[in-house]
Amino acid sequence: MIQFIDYLREHQRGVRYCLYGIMAAVLIWSITVDTSHAHTWVEKHIPGFWSIFAIGSCIVLIFFARWLARAGVEREEGYYDN
């Protein structure tokens, strides 16, 4: 696992382009989906809404987790030794 993570770190540009390609493919695929049976207005009129919603939710979750960690969950290194 460590070797895999090191490989990804060494090839960040390629990984980034690959992820952009996957996101573009998902967006293009979502445009081709039949929306005549959509449940909400946004599903019917905004292509790739759920993909955009998922990415936005992940970003919000990451920032919330960082804020929560800084707000008191994280402790300094020697906290438990005292």
N, C-alpha and C. Protein backbone atom coordinates (compact mmCIF):
# COMPACT_ATOMS: atom_id res chain seq x y z
N MET A 1 0.82 -1.18 0.00
CA MET A 1 0.00 0.00 0.00
C MET A 1 0.88 1.27 0.00
N ILE A 2 1.94 1.23 0.76
CA ILE A 2 2.83 2.38 0.83
C ILE A 2 3.48 2.63 -0.53
N GLN A 3 3.85 1.56 -1.21
CA GLN A 3 4.45 1.71 -2.54
C GLN A 3 3.45 2.33 -3.52
N PHE A 4 2.20 1.94 -3.40
CA PHE A 4 1.16 2.50 -4.27
C PHE A 4 0.98 3.99 -4.02
N ILE A 5 0.95 4.38 -2.75
CA ILE A 5 0.81 5.81 -2.41
C ILE A 5 2.02 6.59 -2.89
N ASP A 6 3.21 6.03 -2.72
CA ASP A 6 4.42 6.69 -3.21
C ASP A 6 4.38 6.85 -4.73
N TYR A 7 3.90 5.83 -5.42
CA TYR A 7 3.78 5.90 -6.88
C TYR A 7 2.82 7.03 -7.28
N LEU A 8 1.68 7.13 -6.60
CA LEU A 8 0.72 8.20 -6.90
C LEU A 8 1.32 9.58 -6.63
N ARG A 9 2.10 9.70 -5.57
CA ARG A 9 2.73 10.98 -5.26
C ARG A 9 3.77 11.36 -6.30
N GLU A 10 4.48 10.39 -6.83
CA GLU A 10 5.48 10.66 -7.86
C GLU A 10 4.85 11.05 -9.19
N HIS A 11 3.63 10.61 -9.44
CA HIS A 11 2.96 10.84 -10.72
C HIS A 11 1.68 11.66 -10.52
N GLN A 12 1.77 12.74 -9.76
CA GLN A 12 0.58 13.54 -9.44
C GLN A 12 -0.08 14.14 -10.68
N ARG A 13 0.70 14.60 -11.63
CA ARG A 13 0.13 15.22 -12.82
C ARG A 13 -0.71 14.21 -13.61
N GLY A 14 -0.20 13.01 -13.79
CA GLY A 14 -0.93 11.97 -14.51
C GLY A 14 -2.20 11.55 -13.78
N VAL A 15 -2.11 11.45 -12.47
CA VAL A 15 -3.28 11.09 -11.66
C VAL A 15 -4.34 12.18 -11.77
N ARG A 16 -3.90 13.43 -11.72
CA ARG A 16 -4.84 14.55 -11.82
C ARG A 16 -5.55 14.54 -13.17
N TYR A 17 -4.80 14.34 -14.26
CA TYR A 17 -5.42 14.30 -15.59
C TYR A 17 -6.36 13.11 -15.73
N CYS A 18 -6.01 12.00 -15.13
CA CYS A 18 -6.87 10.83 -15.18
C CYS A 18 -8.19 11.10 -14.45
N LEU A 19 -8.11 11.74 -13.28
CA LEU A 19 -9.32 12.07 -12.54
C LEU A 19 -10.17 13.10 -13.29
N TYR A 20 -9.54 14.09 -13.92
CA TYR A 20 -10.30 15.04 -14.73
C TYR A 20 -11.00 14.33 -15.88
N GLY A 21 -10.33 13.37 -16.49
CA GLY A 21 -10.92 12.59 -17.57
C GLY A 21 -12.12 11.79 -17.10
N ILE A 22 -12.00 11.19 -15.93
CA ILE A 22 -13.12 10.43 -15.38
C ILE A 22 -14.30 11.35 -15.08
N MET A 23 -14.02 12.52 -14.50
CA MET A 23 -15.11 13.47 -14.22
C MET A 23 -15.78 13.93 -15.51
N ALA A 24 -15.00 14.18 -16.54
CA ALA A 24 -15.58 14.58 -17.83
C ALA A 24 -16.42 13.46 -18.42
N ALA A 25 -15.95 12.22 -18.31
CA ALA A 25 -16.71 11.08 -18.83
C ALA A 25 -18.03 10.91 -18.09
N VAL A 26 -18.02 11.09 -16.78
CA VAL A 26 -19.26 10.98 -16.00
C VAL A 26 -20.22 12.09 -16.40
N LEU A 27 -19.71 13.30 -16.60
CA LEU A 27 -20.56 14.42 -17.00
C LEU A 27 -21.16 14.17 -18.39
N ILE A 28 -20.34 13.71 -19.31
CA ILE A 28 -20.85 13.42 -20.66
C ILE A 28 -21.87 12.29 -20.61
N TRP A 29 -21.60 11.27 -19.82
CA TRP A 29 -22.55 10.16 -19.70
C TRP A 29 -23.87 10.64 -19.10
N SER A 30 -23.80 11.54 -18.10
CA SER A 30 -25.03 12.01 -17.46
C SER A 30 -25.87 12.85 -18.41
N ILE A 31 -25.24 13.47 -19.41
CA ILE A 31 -26.02 14.23 -20.40
C ILE A 31 -26.85 13.30 -21.26
N THR A 32 -26.35 12.09 -21.50
CA THR A 32 -27.05 11.14 -22.37
C THR A 32 -28.17 10.38 -21.67
N VAL A 33 -28.29 10.50 -20.35
CA VAL A 33 -29.30 9.77 -19.60
C VAL A 33 -30.67 10.39 -19.85
N ASP A 34 -31.67 9.53 -20.01
CA ASP A 34 -33.05 9.99 -20.21
C ASP A 34 -33.58 10.60 -18.92
N THR A 35 -33.96 11.87 -18.96
CA THR A 35 -34.45 12.56 -17.76
C THR A 35 -35.96 12.76 -17.77
N SER A 36 -36.66 12.04 -18.60
CA SER A 36 -38.10 12.23 -18.65
C SER A 36 -38.79 11.73 -17.38
N HIS A 37 -38.16 10.85 -16.64
CA HIS A 37 -38.75 10.33 -15.40
C HIS A 37 -38.03 10.87 -14.17
N ALA A 38 -37.43 12.04 -14.27
CA ALA A 38 -36.71 12.63 -13.14
C ALA A 38 -37.70 12.99 -12.02
N HIS A 39 -37.23 12.91 -10.79
CA HIS A 39 -38.09 13.18 -9.65
C HIS A 39 -38.13 14.65 -9.26
N THR A 40 -37.06 15.40 -9.54
CA THR A 40 -37.01 16.81 -9.15
C THR A 40 -36.64 17.67 -10.35
N TRP A 41 -36.83 18.97 -10.18
CA TRP A 41 -36.53 19.92 -11.25
C TRP A 41 -35.04 19.91 -11.59
N VAL A 42 -34.20 19.87 -10.56
CA VAL A 42 -32.76 19.93 -10.81
C VAL A 42 -32.26 18.71 -11.56
N GLU A 43 -32.83 17.54 -11.28
CA GLU A 43 -32.44 16.34 -12.02
C GLU A 43 -32.77 16.47 -13.50
N LYS A 44 -33.88 17.12 -13.77
CA LYS A 44 -34.34 17.23 -15.14
C LYS A 44 -33.59 18.29 -15.94
N HIS A 45 -33.19 19.39 -15.30
CA HIS A 45 -32.65 20.53 -16.04
C HIS A 45 -31.15 20.79 -15.87
N ILE A 46 -30.51 20.19 -14.89
CA ILE A 46 -29.08 20.42 -14.70
C ILE A 46 -28.34 19.11 -14.98
N PRO A 47 -27.62 19.04 -16.10
CA PRO A 47 -26.90 17.80 -16.41
C PRO A 47 -25.77 17.55 -15.41
N GLY A 48 -25.70 16.33 -14.94
CA GLY A 48 -24.66 15.96 -13.99
C GLY A 48 -24.88 16.51 -12.60
N PHE A 49 -26.13 16.81 -12.23
CA PHE A 49 -26.41 17.42 -10.94
C PHE A 49 -25.90 16.57 -9.79
N TRP A 50 -26.18 15.28 -9.81
CA TRP A 50 -25.78 14.43 -8.68
C TRP A 50 -24.27 14.28 -8.60
N SER A 51 -23.59 14.33 -9.71
CA SER A 51 -22.13 14.30 -9.68
C SER A 51 -21.58 15.58 -9.05
N ILE A 52 -22.13 16.71 -9.46
CA ILE A 52 -21.72 18.00 -8.90
C ILE A 52 -22.07 18.06 -7.41
N PHE A 53 -23.24 17.56 -7.05
CA PHE A 53 -23.67 17.53 -5.65
C PHE A 53 -22.73 16.67 -4.81
N ALA A 54 -22.32 15.52 -5.33
CA ALA A 54 -21.43 14.62 -4.60
C ALA A 54 -20.07 15.25 -4.38
N ILE A 55 -19.51 15.88 -5.41
CA ILE A 55 -18.21 16.53 -5.26
C ILE A 55 -18.30 17.68 -4.25
N GLY A 56 -19.35 18.48 -4.34
CA GLY A 56 -19.55 19.58 -3.40
C GLY A 56 -19.71 19.08 -1.97
N SER A 57 -20.45 17.99 -1.80
CA SER A 57 -20.64 17.42 -0.46
C SER A 57 -19.32 16.92 0.11
N CYS A 58 -18.50 16.29 -0.71
CA CYS A 58 -17.19 15.81 -0.24
C CYS A 58 -16.31 16.97 0.18
N ILE A 59 -16.32 18.04 -0.59
CA ILE A 59 -15.50 19.21 -0.24
C ILE A 59 -15.96 19.81 1.08
N VAL A 60 -17.28 19.95 1.26
CA VAL A 60 -17.81 20.48 2.51
C VAL A 60 -17.44 19.57 3.68
N LEU A 61 -17.55 18.26 3.49
CA LEU A 61 -17.20 17.31 4.55
C LEU A 61 -15.73 17.39 4.93
N ILE A 62 -14.86 17.55 3.96
CA ILE A 62 -13.43 17.67 4.24
C ILE A 62 -13.14 18.92 5.06
N PHE A 63 -13.71 20.07 4.64
CA PHE A 63 -13.47 21.30 5.38
C PHE A 63 -14.07 21.26 6.78
N PHE A 64 -15.23 20.63 6.93
CA PHE A 64 -15.84 20.49 8.25
C PHE A 64 -14.99 19.60 9.15
N ALA A 65 -14.46 18.52 8.61
CA ALA A 65 -13.61 17.62 9.40
C ALA A 65 -12.32 18.33 9.82
N ARG A 66 -11.75 19.13 8.94
CA ARG A 66 -10.54 19.89 9.30
C ARG A 66 -10.85 20.89 10.40
N TRP A 67 -11.98 21.59 10.28
CA TRP A 67 -12.35 22.56 11.30
C TRP A 67 -12.60 21.86 12.64
N LEU A 68 -13.27 20.73 12.62
CA LEU A 68 -13.55 19.98 13.83
C LEU A 68 -12.26 19.49 14.48
N ALA A 69 -11.31 19.06 13.68
CA ALA A 69 -10.03 18.60 14.22
C ALA A 69 -9.28 19.75 14.89
N ARG A 70 -9.29 20.91 14.26
CA ARG A 70 -8.59 22.06 14.84
C ARG A 70 -9.32 22.61 16.06
N ALA A 71 -10.64 22.40 16.14
CA ALA A 71 -11.43 22.97 17.22
C ALA A 71 -11.26 22.23 18.54
N GLY A 72 -10.61 21.10 18.56
CA GLY A 72 -10.42 20.45 19.84
C GLY A 72 -10.19 18.96 19.80
N VAL A 73 -10.43 18.33 18.69
CA VAL A 73 -10.21 16.90 18.62
C VAL A 73 -8.72 16.60 18.60
N GLU A 74 -7.95 17.40 17.86
CA GLU A 74 -6.50 17.22 17.83
C GLU A 74 -5.88 17.68 19.14
N ARG A 75 -4.90 16.95 19.58
CA ARG A 75 -4.15 17.33 20.77
C ARG A 75 -2.67 17.41 20.43
N GLU A 76 -1.93 18.17 21.20
CA GLU A 76 -0.50 18.26 20.95
C GLU A 76 0.14 16.90 21.24
N GLU A 77 1.36 16.75 20.79
CA GLU A 77 2.02 15.45 20.82
C GLU A 77 2.16 14.86 22.22
N GLY A 78 2.55 15.64 23.20
CA GLY A 78 2.78 15.12 24.55
C GLY A 78 1.57 15.22 25.46
N TYR A 79 0.38 15.40 24.94
CA TYR A 79 -0.82 15.61 25.76
C TYR A 79 -1.09 14.43 26.68
N TYR A 80 -1.02 13.23 26.16
CA TYR A 80 -1.37 12.05 26.95
C TYR A 80 -0.23 11.59 27.86
N ASP A 81 0.96 12.10 27.65
CA ASP A 81 2.10 11.72 28.50
C ASP A 81 2.07 12.45 29.83
N ASN A 82 1.42 13.57 29.91
CA ASN A 82 1.39 14.38 31.14
C ASN A 82 0.46 13.81 32.16
